[in-house]
């Protein structure tokens, strides 16, 4: 089921349409049909699933790669949710403290509400609120 007529792989709406038309095929056959393959000198067909999935996510408007400026290091992004750990602690990760411009040694006063935690930075008039 290789689409030899298309020298360029399908993209955008054409890719989405072809994938919809070929729902019954395996992922590898879909990628081949959409043009995401190469044939080696020995005649072996190699399917490029990464390029296929990337093109598919681009066509669907799903952003996979981060556009955040940084030093190129990976890691988690802030989800704005935390979970109480088994020892009862709440850990606010570095993604939050960096985003808030906090530095090691910054001190806060903690005020507990019914369903929220209010952090007031000492020595600075700013307030930071954390809901649970």
N, C-alpha and C. Protein backbone atom coordinates (compact mmCIF):
# COMPACT_ATOMS: atom_id res chain seq x y z
N UNK A 1 0.82 -1.19 0.00
CA UNK A 1 0.00 0.00 0.00
C UNK A 1 0.86 1.25 0.00
N UNK A 2 1.94 1.27 -0.72
CA UNK A 2 2.82 2.42 -0.75
C UNK A 2 2.35 3.37 -1.84
N UNK A 3 2.27 4.64 -1.50
CA UNK A 3 1.82 5.65 -2.43
C UNK A 3 3.03 6.17 -3.20
N UNK A 4 3.41 5.49 -4.27
CA UNK A 4 4.59 5.86 -5.03
C UNK A 4 4.36 7.09 -5.91
N UNK A 5 3.11 7.50 -6.12
CA UNK A 5 2.84 8.63 -6.98
C UNK A 5 3.27 9.94 -6.33
N UNK A 6 3.17 10.04 -4.99
CA UNK A 6 3.56 11.25 -4.28
C UNK A 6 5.03 11.16 -3.90
N UNK A 7 5.84 12.07 -4.45
CA UNK A 7 7.25 12.10 -4.07
C UNK A 7 7.42 12.84 -2.74
N UNK A 8 6.53 13.79 -2.48
CA UNK A 8 6.56 14.54 -1.22
C UNK A 8 5.51 13.97 -0.29
N UNK A 9 5.84 13.79 0.98
CA UNK A 9 4.86 13.29 1.94
C UNK A 9 3.70 14.27 2.09
N UNK A 10 2.53 13.75 2.38
CA UNK A 10 1.35 14.59 2.59
C UNK A 10 1.51 15.40 3.86
N UNK A 11 0.89 16.59 3.86
CA UNK A 11 0.93 17.47 5.03
C UNK A 11 -0.41 18.15 5.18
N UNK A 12 -0.64 18.71 6.34
CA UNK A 12 -1.83 19.51 6.59
C UNK A 12 -3.13 18.75 6.43
N UNK A 13 -4.10 19.43 5.79
CA UNK A 13 -5.43 18.85 5.63
C UNK A 13 -5.41 17.59 4.78
N UNK A 14 -4.53 17.55 3.78
CA UNK A 14 -4.44 16.36 2.93
C UNK A 14 -4.00 15.15 3.75
N UNK A 15 -3.06 15.36 4.68
CA UNK A 15 -2.59 14.28 5.54
C UNK A 15 -3.72 13.80 6.45
N UNK A 16 -4.41 14.72 7.08
CA UNK A 16 -5.51 14.35 7.97
C UNK A 16 -6.60 13.59 7.22
N UNK A 17 -6.91 14.02 6.00
CA UNK A 17 -7.93 13.35 5.20
C UNK A 17 -7.51 11.93 4.85
N UNK A 18 -6.25 11.76 4.45
CA UNK A 18 -5.75 10.43 4.06
C UNK A 18 -5.72 9.49 5.26
N UNK A 19 -5.32 9.99 6.42
CA UNK A 19 -5.29 9.17 7.63
C UNK A 19 -6.71 8.73 7.99
N UNK A 20 -7.67 9.63 7.85
CA UNK A 20 -9.07 9.30 8.13
C UNK A 20 -9.56 8.22 7.16
N UNK A 21 -9.16 8.33 5.88
CA UNK A 21 -9.58 7.36 4.87
C UNK A 21 -8.97 5.97 5.10
N UNK A 22 -7.82 5.94 5.76
CA UNK A 22 -7.09 4.68 5.94
C UNK A 22 -7.14 4.19 7.39
N UNK A 23 -8.25 4.45 8.07
CA UNK A 23 -8.39 4.06 9.48
C UNK A 23 -8.16 2.56 9.70
N UNK A 24 -8.49 1.76 8.72
CA UNK A 24 -8.39 0.30 8.84
C UNK A 24 -6.94 -0.21 8.75
N UNK A 25 -6.00 0.64 8.33
CA UNK A 25 -4.60 0.21 8.16
C UNK A 25 -3.82 0.32 9.46
N UNK A 26 -2.71 -0.38 9.51
CA UNK A 26 -1.79 -0.26 10.66
C UNK A 26 -1.12 1.12 10.59
N UNK A 27 -0.56 1.59 11.70
CA UNK A 27 0.14 2.88 11.68
C UNK A 27 1.26 2.93 10.63
N UNK A 28 2.00 1.84 10.48
CA UNK A 28 3.09 1.80 9.50
C UNK A 28 2.56 1.92 8.08
N UNK A 29 1.45 1.24 7.79
CA UNK A 29 0.87 1.32 6.46
C UNK A 29 0.28 2.70 6.18
N UNK A 30 -0.28 3.32 7.21
CA UNK A 30 -0.77 4.70 7.05
C UNK A 30 0.38 5.63 6.69
N UNK A 31 1.51 5.48 7.42
CA UNK A 31 2.67 6.33 7.16
C UNK A 31 3.18 6.11 5.73
N UNK A 32 3.24 4.86 5.29
CA UNK A 32 3.68 4.56 3.92
C UNK A 32 2.73 5.20 2.91
N UNK A 33 1.43 5.02 3.12
CA UNK A 33 0.44 5.55 2.20
C UNK A 33 0.54 7.07 2.08
N UNK A 34 0.91 7.71 3.16
CA UNK A 34 1.02 9.16 3.17
C UNK A 34 2.39 9.66 2.71
N UNK A 35 3.28 8.73 2.37
CA UNK A 35 4.57 9.11 1.81
C UNK A 35 5.71 9.21 2.80
N UNK A 36 5.55 8.72 4.00
CA UNK A 36 6.59 8.81 5.02
C UNK A 36 7.42 7.53 5.07
N UNK A 37 8.19 7.33 4.00
CA UNK A 37 9.05 6.17 3.90
C UNK A 37 10.18 6.47 2.92
N UNK A 38 11.22 5.67 2.99
CA UNK A 38 12.32 5.72 2.02
C UNK A 38 12.63 4.29 1.61
N UNK A 39 13.22 4.15 0.45
CA UNK A 39 13.65 2.84 -0.03
C UNK A 39 15.17 2.88 -0.11
N UNK A 40 15.82 1.94 0.57
CA UNK A 40 17.28 1.90 0.60
C UNK A 40 17.83 1.39 -0.73
N UNK A 41 19.15 1.45 -0.88
CA UNK A 41 19.81 0.95 -2.08
C UNK A 41 19.50 -0.53 -2.31
N UNK A 42 19.31 -1.25 -1.24
CA UNK A 42 19.03 -2.69 -1.31
C UNK A 42 17.55 -2.99 -1.55
N UNK A 43 16.73 -1.94 -1.71
CA UNK A 43 15.31 -2.14 -1.96
C UNK A 43 14.47 -2.36 -0.72
N UNK A 44 15.04 -2.07 0.46
CA UNK A 44 14.30 -2.23 1.71
C UNK A 44 13.52 -0.94 1.99
N UNK A 45 12.24 -1.08 2.27
CA UNK A 45 11.40 0.08 2.60
C UNK A 45 11.49 0.36 4.09
N UNK A 46 11.84 1.61 4.41
CA UNK A 46 11.92 2.04 5.81
C UNK A 46 10.89 3.12 6.05
N UNK A 47 10.04 2.88 7.02
CA UNK A 47 8.98 3.82 7.36
C UNK A 47 9.51 4.79 8.41
N UNK A 48 9.29 6.09 8.18
CA UNK A 48 9.75 7.10 9.13
C UNK A 48 8.56 7.54 9.99
N UNK A 49 8.33 6.78 11.06
CA UNK A 49 7.19 7.03 11.92
C UNK A 49 7.30 8.36 12.67
N UNK A 50 8.51 8.74 13.05
CA UNK A 50 8.67 10.01 13.79
C UNK A 50 8.25 11.19 12.92
N UNK A 51 8.68 11.22 11.66
CA UNK A 51 8.28 12.31 10.77
C UNK A 51 6.77 12.28 10.51
N UNK A 52 6.23 11.07 10.39
CA UNK A 52 4.79 10.92 10.17
C UNK A 52 4.02 11.47 11.37
N UNK A 53 4.39 11.07 12.57
CA UNK A 53 3.69 11.54 13.76
C UNK A 53 3.86 13.05 13.96
N UNK A 54 5.04 13.55 13.67
CA UNK A 54 5.29 15.00 13.78
C UNK A 54 4.39 15.76 12.80
N UNK A 55 4.33 15.30 11.54
CA UNK A 55 3.49 15.94 10.54
C UNK A 55 2.02 15.84 10.93
N UNK A 56 1.63 14.71 11.49
CA UNK A 56 0.25 14.50 11.91
C UNK A 56 -0.12 15.44 13.06
N UNK A 57 0.78 15.59 14.02
CA UNK A 57 0.49 16.49 15.14
C UNK A 57 0.48 17.94 14.67
N UNK A 58 1.37 18.30 13.74
CA UNK A 58 1.36 19.66 13.18
C UNK A 58 0.06 19.93 12.45
N UNK A 59 -0.39 18.95 11.66
CA UNK A 59 -1.63 19.10 10.89
C UNK A 59 -2.83 19.25 11.82
N UNK A 60 -2.79 18.57 12.96
CA UNK A 60 -3.89 18.63 13.92
C UNK A 60 -3.78 19.85 14.83
N UNK A 61 -2.69 20.61 14.71
CA UNK A 61 -2.51 21.81 15.52
C UNK A 61 -2.05 21.52 16.93
N UNK A 62 -1.40 20.37 17.12
CA UNK A 62 -0.90 20.00 18.44
C UNK A 62 0.58 20.33 18.51
N UNK A 63 0.96 21.15 19.49
CA UNK A 63 2.35 21.53 19.65
C UNK A 63 3.06 20.56 20.57
N UNK A 64 4.10 19.94 20.06
CA UNK A 64 4.86 18.98 20.86
C UNK A 64 6.12 19.63 21.41
N UNK A 65 6.80 20.38 20.60
CA UNK A 65 8.06 20.99 21.01
C UNK A 65 7.77 22.25 21.82
N UNK A 66 8.56 22.44 22.86
CA UNK A 66 8.41 23.61 23.71
C UNK A 66 9.01 24.82 23.03
N UNK A 67 8.35 25.97 23.19
CA UNK A 67 8.86 27.21 22.62
C UNK A 67 9.41 28.12 23.71
N UNK A 68 9.54 27.58 24.93
CA UNK A 68 10.03 28.39 26.03
C UNK A 68 11.51 28.67 25.86
N UNK A 69 11.88 29.92 26.17
CA UNK A 69 13.30 30.26 26.15
C UNK A 69 13.95 29.64 27.37
N UNK A 70 15.14 29.17 27.21
CA UNK A 70 15.81 28.55 28.34
C UNK A 70 17.22 28.17 27.97
N UNK A 71 17.82 27.38 28.79
CA UNK A 71 19.19 26.98 28.53
C UNK A 71 19.26 25.65 27.81
N UNK A 72 18.15 25.20 27.24
CA UNK A 72 18.16 23.96 26.48
C UNK A 72 17.99 22.72 27.32
N UNK A 73 17.79 22.89 28.60
CA UNK A 73 17.63 21.72 29.46
C UNK A 73 16.17 21.31 29.47
N UNK A 74 15.95 20.02 29.54
CA UNK A 74 14.59 19.50 29.57
C UNK A 74 14.01 19.61 30.95
N UNK A 75 13.05 18.80 31.22
CA UNK A 75 12.45 18.80 32.54
C UNK A 75 10.96 19.02 32.43
N UNK A 76 10.34 19.04 33.57
CA UNK A 76 8.89 19.20 33.61
C UNK A 76 8.51 20.66 33.53
N UNK A 77 7.33 20.91 33.03
CA UNK A 77 6.80 22.26 33.06
C UNK A 77 5.78 22.33 34.19
N UNK A 78 5.49 23.53 34.61
CA UNK A 78 4.57 23.72 35.73
C UNK A 78 3.17 23.28 35.33
N UNK A 79 2.55 22.43 36.15
CA UNK A 79 1.19 21.96 35.88
C UNK A 79 0.16 22.69 36.73
N UNK A 80 0.64 23.50 37.68
CA UNK A 80 -0.20 24.25 38.59
C UNK A 80 -1.05 23.33 39.46
N UNK A 81 -0.53 22.16 39.74
CA UNK A 81 -1.17 21.21 40.65
C UNK A 81 -0.07 20.56 41.48
N UNK A 82 -0.34 20.38 42.75
CA UNK A 82 0.59 19.64 43.59
C UNK A 82 -0.20 18.62 44.39
N UNK A 83 0.48 17.62 44.88
CA UNK A 83 -0.14 16.55 45.65
C UNK A 83 0.57 16.46 46.99
N UNK A 84 -0.19 16.22 48.03
CA UNK A 84 0.40 16.02 49.34
C UNK A 84 1.21 14.72 49.28
N UNK A 85 2.47 14.80 49.71
CA UNK A 85 3.34 13.62 49.67
C UNK A 85 2.99 12.68 50.82
N UNK A 86 3.50 11.46 50.77
CA UNK A 86 3.18 10.45 51.79
C UNK A 86 3.62 10.87 53.19
N UNK A 87 4.61 11.76 53.28
CA UNK A 87 5.04 12.23 54.59
C UNK A 87 4.27 13.47 55.05
N UNK A 88 3.25 13.88 54.26
CA UNK A 88 2.42 15.02 54.64
C UNK A 88 2.91 16.36 54.11
N UNK A 89 4.04 16.39 53.43
CA UNK A 89 4.58 17.64 52.92
C UNK A 89 3.95 18.05 51.60
N UNK A 90 3.91 19.35 51.37
CA UNK A 90 3.57 19.92 50.07
C UNK A 90 4.86 20.49 49.50
N UNK A 91 5.22 20.06 48.33
CA UNK A 91 6.45 20.53 47.71
C UNK A 91 6.10 21.42 46.54
N UNK A 92 6.57 22.65 46.58
CA UNK A 92 6.39 23.57 45.46
C UNK A 92 7.69 23.52 44.67
N UNK A 93 7.62 23.06 43.45
CA UNK A 93 8.82 22.82 42.65
C UNK A 93 9.48 24.07 42.11
N UNK A 94 10.66 23.87 41.55
CA UNK A 94 11.46 24.98 41.05
C UNK A 94 10.82 25.69 39.87
N UNK A 95 9.95 25.01 39.11
CA UNK A 95 9.28 25.67 37.99
C UNK A 95 8.46 26.85 38.50
N UNK A 96 7.85 26.69 39.66
CA UNK A 96 7.03 27.76 40.23
C UNK A 96 7.89 28.87 40.81
N UNK A 97 8.93 28.49 41.55
CA UNK A 97 9.76 29.50 42.18
C UNK A 97 10.51 30.32 41.13
N UNK A 98 10.93 29.69 40.05
CA UNK A 98 11.59 30.42 38.96
C UNK A 98 10.62 31.39 38.30
N UNK A 99 9.40 30.92 38.04
CA UNK A 99 8.39 31.76 37.40
C UNK A 99 8.05 32.96 38.27
N UNK A 100 8.10 32.79 39.59
CA UNK A 100 7.78 33.86 40.52
C UNK A 100 8.99 34.74 40.84
N UNK A 101 10.16 34.37 40.32
CA UNK A 101 11.36 35.15 40.58
C UNK A 101 11.89 35.01 41.98
N UNK A 102 11.67 33.87 42.62
CA UNK A 102 12.13 33.66 43.99
C UNK A 102 13.56 33.14 44.00
N UNK A 103 14.25 33.45 45.08
CA UNK A 103 15.64 33.05 45.22
C UNK A 103 15.82 32.23 46.49
N UNK A 104 16.86 31.39 46.53
CA UNK A 104 17.14 30.64 47.77
C UNK A 104 17.26 31.61 48.94
N UNK A 105 16.62 31.26 50.03
CA UNK A 105 16.69 32.10 51.22
C UNK A 105 15.50 33.05 51.37
N UNK A 106 14.69 33.23 50.32
CA UNK A 106 13.50 34.08 50.45
C UNK A 106 12.59 33.47 51.51
N UNK A 107 12.02 34.33 52.34
CA UNK A 107 11.18 33.85 53.44
C UNK A 107 9.74 34.29 53.25
N UNK A 108 8.81 33.45 53.73
CA UNK A 108 7.38 33.71 53.59
C UNK A 108 6.69 33.45 54.91
N UNK A 109 5.62 34.18 55.13
CA UNK A 109 4.72 33.90 56.23
C UNK A 109 3.57 33.09 55.63
N UNK A 110 3.19 32.00 56.30
CA UNK A 110 2.14 31.11 55.81
C UNK A 110 0.86 31.38 56.58
N UNK A 111 -0.24 31.67 55.85
CA UNK A 111 -1.56 31.83 56.45
C UNK A 111 -2.45 30.76 55.84
N UNK A 112 -3.12 29.98 56.70
CA UNK A 112 -3.98 28.91 56.22
C UNK A 112 -5.42 29.37 56.17
N UNK A 113 -6.07 29.15 55.05
CA UNK A 113 -7.50 29.40 54.90
C UNK A 113 -8.22 28.07 54.89
N UNK A 114 -9.51 28.10 54.60
CA UNK A 114 -10.29 26.86 54.59
C UNK A 114 -9.76 25.89 53.54
N UNK A 115 -9.56 26.35 52.34
CA UNK A 115 -9.07 25.50 51.24
C UNK A 115 -7.96 26.19 50.46
N UNK A 116 -7.18 27.01 51.11
CA UNK A 116 -6.08 27.67 50.42
C UNK A 116 -4.94 27.96 51.38
N UNK A 117 -3.80 28.20 50.79
CA UNK A 117 -2.61 28.59 51.54
C UNK A 117 -2.18 29.94 50.99
N UNK A 118 -1.97 30.89 51.85
CA UNK A 118 -1.54 32.22 51.44
C UNK A 118 -0.11 32.42 51.90
N UNK A 119 0.76 32.72 50.96
CA UNK A 119 2.16 32.98 51.28
C UNK A 119 2.41 34.47 51.14
N UNK A 120 2.92 35.09 52.19
CA UNK A 120 3.28 36.51 52.14
C UNK A 120 4.79 36.59 52.29
N UNK A 121 5.43 37.14 51.27
CA UNK A 121 6.89 37.22 51.31
C UNK A 121 7.31 38.26 52.34
N UNK A 122 8.20 37.86 53.23
CA UNK A 122 8.68 38.76 54.28
C UNK A 122 9.69 39.72 53.69
N UNK A 123 9.59 40.98 54.11
CA UNK A 123 10.52 41.99 53.63
C UNK A 123 10.15 42.52 52.25
N UNK A 124 9.00 42.09 51.72
CA UNK A 124 8.56 42.53 50.40
C UNK A 124 7.04 42.58 50.47
N UNK A 125 6.40 43.59 49.98
CA UNK A 125 4.95 43.75 50.07
C UNK A 125 4.16 42.80 49.19
N UNK A 126 4.82 41.98 48.36
CA UNK A 126 4.10 41.10 47.44
C UNK A 126 3.48 39.92 48.18
N UNK A 127 2.34 39.45 47.66
CA UNK A 127 1.70 38.26 48.20
C UNK A 127 1.63 37.22 47.11
N UNK A 128 1.85 35.97 47.49
CA UNK A 128 1.76 34.85 46.57
C UNK A 128 0.74 33.90 47.15
N UNK A 129 -0.28 33.51 46.37
CA UNK A 129 -1.33 32.64 46.89
C UNK A 129 -1.26 31.28 46.21
N UNK A 130 -1.36 30.22 47.01
CA UNK A 130 -1.33 28.84 46.51
C UNK A 130 -2.61 28.17 46.96
N UNK A 131 -3.47 27.73 46.01
CA UNK A 131 -4.69 26.99 46.34
C UNK A 131 -4.41 25.52 46.31
N UNK A 132 -5.11 24.71 47.18
CA UNK A 132 -4.98 23.27 47.05
C UNK A 132 -6.18 22.68 46.42
